[in-house]
Amino acid sequence: MNEPDLFASERAALARARRVLAKEDAAGHRDALQGLADAYERLVRDMDRLIRHADRTERELARANQQLRELTETLAFRNRHDGLTGLLNRETLIQEAEGLLQERPLGLILVDLDFFKQINDRYGHPVGDRVLVDVARALERSRPEEGYCGRLGGEEFALVLGAACGRMAAQVADELAGEIRAIRRPEAPGLRVTASMGVAVAVPGVAFDRLYLCADDALYRAKYGGRDRIERVRDQIEPEGEPPPCHG
């Protein structure tokens, strides 16, 4: 099936003008030129409309592409981050930590808020959520340039320290504990927030699971030693084959 000729009327006007010009008829010339002018006026008008439509379509396509990029970025962010605090989620934090631990010493600070259920029960869950966000901001302020912070779930957080030593990790934990104690909420008079922390440092080549278990063991000792405490593994964790130093 042949496609319609979009310029059929213009082509006919041109053909008529050529025939009239060949006859050298002055009156016919005027009619032919008038028809040609009318045809090209329509052509210009139609082309202008088409160009405007194309421009509008291009702008709409650009907006759609921008919205698609923004949606893709939003989905990628949500896939990697905790919805409430904006920190890395558990899976992403572990993935990033495993990558760092392959090439440099790594410190891990596990943070568990003390008696958080009592905050929710006394002040309500909206205040509890704001406290979690406040703690997240404290972790971000404490995070060194080579490091990550994330929410492991509930009131549990983690701070990963790249290229860390035991002294540095302990100092960061101490500063973080102070920032958490300083959290205040004007809508919650009498609010007191503290955290128990477990700190461990591993040399490159140690499995992250092993580092995590040692830090978690230290956290357990902090929680059951009275809370609002920091316990750490004194020695750096060595690769498999060395005795695990999961002790205070």
Protein backbone atom coordinates (compact mmCIF):
# COMPACT_ATOMS: atom_id res chain seq x y z
CA MET A 1 0.00 0.00 0.00
CA ASN A 2 1.44 3.36 -1.06
CA GLU A 3 1.90 6.00 1.62
CA PRO A 4 -0.14 9.21 1.15
CA ASP A 5 1.69 12.12 -0.46
CA LEU A 6 1.81 14.79 2.24
CA PHE A 7 2.68 17.46 -0.34
CA ALA A 8 0.21 16.51 -3.09
CA SER A 9 -1.44 19.95 -3.22
CA GLU A 10 1.93 21.72 -3.34
CA ARG A 11 3.14 19.45 -6.13
CA ALA A 12 -0.06 20.15 -8.11
CA ALA A 13 0.41 23.91 -7.65
CA LEU A 14 3.96 23.65 -8.94
CA ALA A 15 2.86 21.62 -11.96
CA ARG A 16 0.17 24.17 -12.81
CA ALA A 17 2.61 27.04 -12.45
CA ARG A 18 5.04 25.34 -14.82
CA ARG A 19 2.32 24.70 -17.40
CA VAL A 20 1.15 28.32 -17.28
CA LEU A 21 4.67 29.66 -17.54
CA ALA A 22 5.22 27.53 -20.61
CA LYS A 23 2.20 29.16 -22.32
CA GLU A 24 3.40 32.71 -21.58
CA ASP A 25 -0.13 33.75 -20.50
CA ALA A 26 0.17 36.77 -18.16
CA ALA A 27 -3.26 36.30 -16.57
CA GLY A 28 -2.59 32.63 -16.10
CA HIS A 29 0.73 33.52 -14.54
CA ARG A 30 -1.02 35.51 -11.85
CA ASP A 31 -3.47 32.71 -11.08
CA ALA A 32 -0.70 30.13 -11.08
CA LEU A 33 1.53 32.24 -8.83
CA GLN A 34 -1.41 32.88 -6.51
CA GLY A 35 -2.06 29.15 -6.29
CA LEU A 36 1.62 28.53 -5.70
CA ALA A 37 1.73 31.16 -2.94
CA ASP A 38 -1.36 29.67 -1.30
CA ALA A 39 0.08 26.17 -1.51
CA TYR A 40 3.36 27.20 0.05
CA GLU A 41 1.62 29.20 2.73
CA ARG A 42 -0.19 26.02 3.68
CA LEU A 43 3.10 24.12 3.51
CA VAL A 44 4.83 26.58 5.82
CA ARG A 45 1.90 26.49 8.23
CA ASP A 46 1.81 22.69 8.24
CA MET A 47 5.57 22.42 8.61
CA ASP A 48 5.49 24.91 11.49
CA ARG A 49 2.80 22.83 13.17
CA LEU A 50 4.82 19.65 12.64
CA ILE A 51 7.98 21.23 14.02
CA ARG A 52 6.13 22.53 17.07
CA HIS A 53 4.64 19.10 17.62
CA ALA A 54 8.06 17.48 17.25
CA ASP A 55 9.57 19.96 19.71
CA ARG A 56 6.78 19.31 22.19
CA THR A 57 7.23 15.56 21.78
CA GLU A 58 10.98 15.92 22.30
CA ARG A 59 10.44 17.94 25.48
CA GLU A 60 7.94 15.39 26.79
CA LEU A 61 10.35 12.57 25.97
CA ALA A 62 13.17 14.42 27.76
CA ARG A 63 10.93 14.88 30.83
CA ALA A 64 9.96 11.21 30.72
CA ASN A 65 13.61 10.18 30.50
CA GLN A 66 14.48 12.46 33.43
CA GLN A 67 11.64 11.00 35.49
CA LEU A 68 12.84 7.50 34.59
CA ARG A 69 16.39 8.37 35.69
CA GLU A 70 15.09 9.83 38.95
CA LEU A 71 12.92 6.77 39.55
CA THR A 72 15.86 4.46 38.83
CA GLU A 73 18.05 6.42 41.25
CA THR A 74 15.31 6.39 43.90
CA LEU A 75 14.82 2.65 43.57
CA ALA A 76 18.58 2.07 43.69
CA PHE A 77 18.82 4.23 46.84
CA ARG A 78 15.90 2.45 48.51
CA ASN A 79 17.42 -0.91 47.64
CA ARG A 80 20.63 0.02 49.49
CA HIS A 81 19.36 2.20 52.34
CA ASP A 82 17.12 1.97 55.37
CA GLY A 83 13.81 3.71 54.74
CA LEU A 84 13.61 5.55 58.07
CA THR A 85 17.16 6.70 58.76
CA GLY A 86 18.70 6.82 55.29
CA LEU A 87 21.67 4.75 56.50
CA LEU A 88 22.87 1.70 54.59
CA ASN A 89 20.70 -1.34 55.21
CA ARG A 90 22.12 -4.53 56.70
CA GLU A 91 22.81 -6.31 53.41
CA THR A 92 24.56 -3.34 51.81
CA LEU A 93 26.63 -2.57 54.90
CA ILE A 94 27.91 -6.15 55.06
CA GLN A 95 28.66 -6.13 51.33
CA GLU A 96 30.69 -2.91 51.59
CA ALA A 97 32.50 -4.12 54.72
CA GLU A 98 33.46 -7.40 53.07
CA GLY A 99 35.00 -5.47 50.19
CA LEU A 100 37.06 -3.25 52.49
CA LEU A 101 38.21 -6.15 54.65
CA GLN A 102 39.84 -7.83 51.66
CA GLU A 103 42.48 -5.12 51.40
CA ARG A 104 42.82 -3.24 54.71
CA PRO A 105 42.31 -3.57 58.47
CA LEU A 106 38.71 -3.00 59.44
CA GLY A 107 37.08 -1.85 62.64
CA LEU A 108 33.50 -2.69 63.50
CA ILE A 109 31.40 -0.98 66.16
CA LEU A 110 28.05 -2.61 66.92
CA VAL A 111 25.56 -0.30 68.61
CA ASP A 112 22.42 -1.36 70.48
CA LEU A 113 20.24 1.33 72.09
CA ASP A 114 19.47 0.64 75.73
CA PHE A 115 15.87 0.13 76.83
CA PHE A 116 14.53 1.45 73.55
CA LYS A 117 11.17 -0.24 74.08
CA GLN A 118 10.68 1.97 77.14
CA ILE A 119 11.18 5.07 74.96
CA ASN A 120 8.43 3.87 72.61
CA ASP A 121 6.16 2.93 75.50
CA ARG A 122 6.63 6.20 77.39
CA TYR A 123 6.82 8.75 74.57
CA GLY A 124 5.21 6.95 71.63
CA HIS A 125 6.56 5.43 68.44
CA PRO A 126 6.83 8.77 66.54
CA VAL A 127 9.31 9.99 69.16
CA GLY A 128 11.05 6.62 69.02
CA ASP A 129 11.44 6.99 65.25
CA ARG A 130 12.89 10.48 65.65
CA VAL A 131 15.37 9.12 68.20
CA LEU A 132 16.47 6.48 65.69
CA VAL A 133 17.02 9.24 63.13
CA ASP A 134 18.99 11.26 65.69
CA VAL A 135 21.19 8.24 66.37
CA ALA A 136 21.69 7.78 62.63
CA ARG A 137 22.90 11.37 62.30
CA ALA A 138 25.28 10.80 65.23
CA LEU A 139 26.73 7.78 63.42
CA GLU A 140 27.18 9.81 60.25
CA ARG A 141 29.06 12.51 62.16
CA SER A 142 31.29 9.87 63.75
CA ARG A 143 31.99 7.98 60.52
CA PRO A 144 35.52 8.47 59.18
CA GLU A 145 36.10 9.15 55.50
CA GLU A 146 36.93 5.49 54.89
CA GLY A 147 33.94 3.91 56.50
CA TYR A 148 30.24 3.16 56.44
CA CYS A 149 27.37 3.29 58.88
CA GLY A 150 24.15 1.35 58.70
CA ARG A 151 21.05 0.22 60.50
CA LEU A 152 21.03 -3.51 61.13
CA GLY A 153 17.39 -3.53 62.18
CA GLY A 154 15.24 -2.21 65.00
CA GLU A 155 17.44 -0.22 67.39
CA GLU A 156 20.67 -1.91 66.24
CA PHE A 157 23.29 -0.02 64.23
CA ALA A 158 26.82 -0.58 62.99
CA LEU A 159 29.77 1.64 62.18
CA VAL A 160 32.45 0.26 59.86
CA LEU A 161 35.89 1.88 60.09
CA GLY A 162 38.26 1.44 57.15
CA ALA A 163 42.00 1.17 57.85
CA ALA A 164 41.28 1.16 61.59
CA CYS A 165 43.37 0.22 64.60
CA GLY A 166 42.07 -0.74 68.03
CA ARG A 167 42.83 2.63 69.59
CA MET A 168 41.09 4.54 66.80
CA ALA A 169 38.02 2.29 66.96
CA ALA A 170 37.77 2.72 70.71
CA GLN A 171 38.06 6.50 70.40
CA VAL A 172 35.34 6.66 67.75
CA ALA A 173 33.07 4.49 69.90
CA ASP A 174 33.64 6.72 72.92
CA GLU A 175 32.82 9.87 70.92
CA LEU A 176 29.73 8.22 69.45
CA ALA A 177 28.51 7.20 72.91
CA GLY A 178 28.79 10.83 74.01
CA GLU A 179 26.81 12.04 71.00
CA ILE A 180 24.07 9.52 71.71
CA ARG A 181 23.88 10.54 75.38
CA ALA A 182 23.48 14.17 74.24
CA ILE A 183 20.32 13.43 72.19
CA ARG A 184 17.37 15.49 73.39
CA ARG A 185 13.80 15.83 72.14
CA PRO A 186 11.78 18.94 73.06
CA GLU A 187 8.58 16.95 72.77
CA ALA A 188 9.92 14.30 75.16
CA PRO A 189 11.01 15.92 78.45
CA GLY A 190 13.18 13.66 80.55
CA LEU A 191 14.27 11.58 77.57
CA ARG A 192 17.59 9.84 78.09
CA VAL A 193 19.23 7.84 75.32
CA THR A 194 22.22 5.56 75.83
CA ALA A 195 23.75 2.69 73.91
CA SER A 196 25.78 -0.43 74.52
CA MET A 197 28.62 -1.05 72.04
CA GLY A 198 30.91 -3.86 71.00
CA VAL A 199 34.15 -3.02 69.19
CA ALA A 200 36.49 -5.30 67.24
CA VAL A 201 39.23 -4.85 64.63
CA ALA A 202 40.36 -7.44 62.07
CA VAL A 203 43.37 -7.63 59.77
CA PRO A 204 42.88 -8.05 55.98
CA GLY A 205 41.82 -11.53 54.95
CA VAL A 206 39.58 -12.23 57.93
CA ALA A 207 36.03 -13.24 57.04
CA PHE A 208 33.58 -10.50 57.95
CA ASP A 209 31.34 -13.04 59.70
CA ARG A 210 34.18 -13.70 62.12
CA LEU A 211 34.72 -10.00 62.80
CA TYR A 212 30.98 -9.58 63.33
CA LEU A 213 30.77 -12.48 65.81
CA CYS A 214 33.64 -11.07 67.87
CA ALA A 215 32.09 -7.58 67.93
CA ASP A 216 28.74 -9.11 68.83
CA ASP A 217 30.36 -11.03 71.69
CA ALA A 218 31.76 -7.72 72.99
CA LEU A 219 28.34 -6.10 72.63
CA TYR A 220 26.80 -8.93 74.66
CA ARG A 221 29.27 -8.24 77.46
CA ALA A 222 28.45 -4.52 77.34
CA LYS A 223 24.70 -5.12 77.54
CA TYR A 224 24.88 -7.61 80.37
CA GLY A 225 27.59 -5.70 82.18
CA GLY A 226 25.21 -2.84 82.96
CA ARG A 227 24.50 -1.15 79.59
CA ASP A 228 25.69 2.32 78.52
CA ARG A 229 29.08 0.65 78.17
CA ILE A 230 31.69 -0.04 75.49
CA GLU A 231 33.41 -3.40 75.41
CA ARG A 232 36.06 -4.25 72.86
CA VAL A 233 38.19 -7.12 71.69
CA ARG A 234 41.70 -6.15 72.79
CA ASP A 235 43.66 -7.94 70.07
CA GLN A 236 43.25 -7.67 66.33
CA ILE A 237 41.44 -10.64 64.83
CA GLU A 238 43.78 -12.76 62.71
CA PRO A 239 42.93 -14.96 59.70
CA GLU A 240 41.60 -18.47 60.14
CA GLY A 241 44.04 -20.79 61.82
CA GLU A 242 44.87 -18.31 64.59
CA PRO A 243 43.06 -18.65 67.91
CA PRO A 244 40.00 -16.39 67.89
CA PRO A 245 40.54 -13.42 70.28
CA CYS A 246 36.86 -12.95 71.09
CA HIS A 247 37.46 -11.92 74.67
CA GLY A 248 37.86 -8.72 76.56
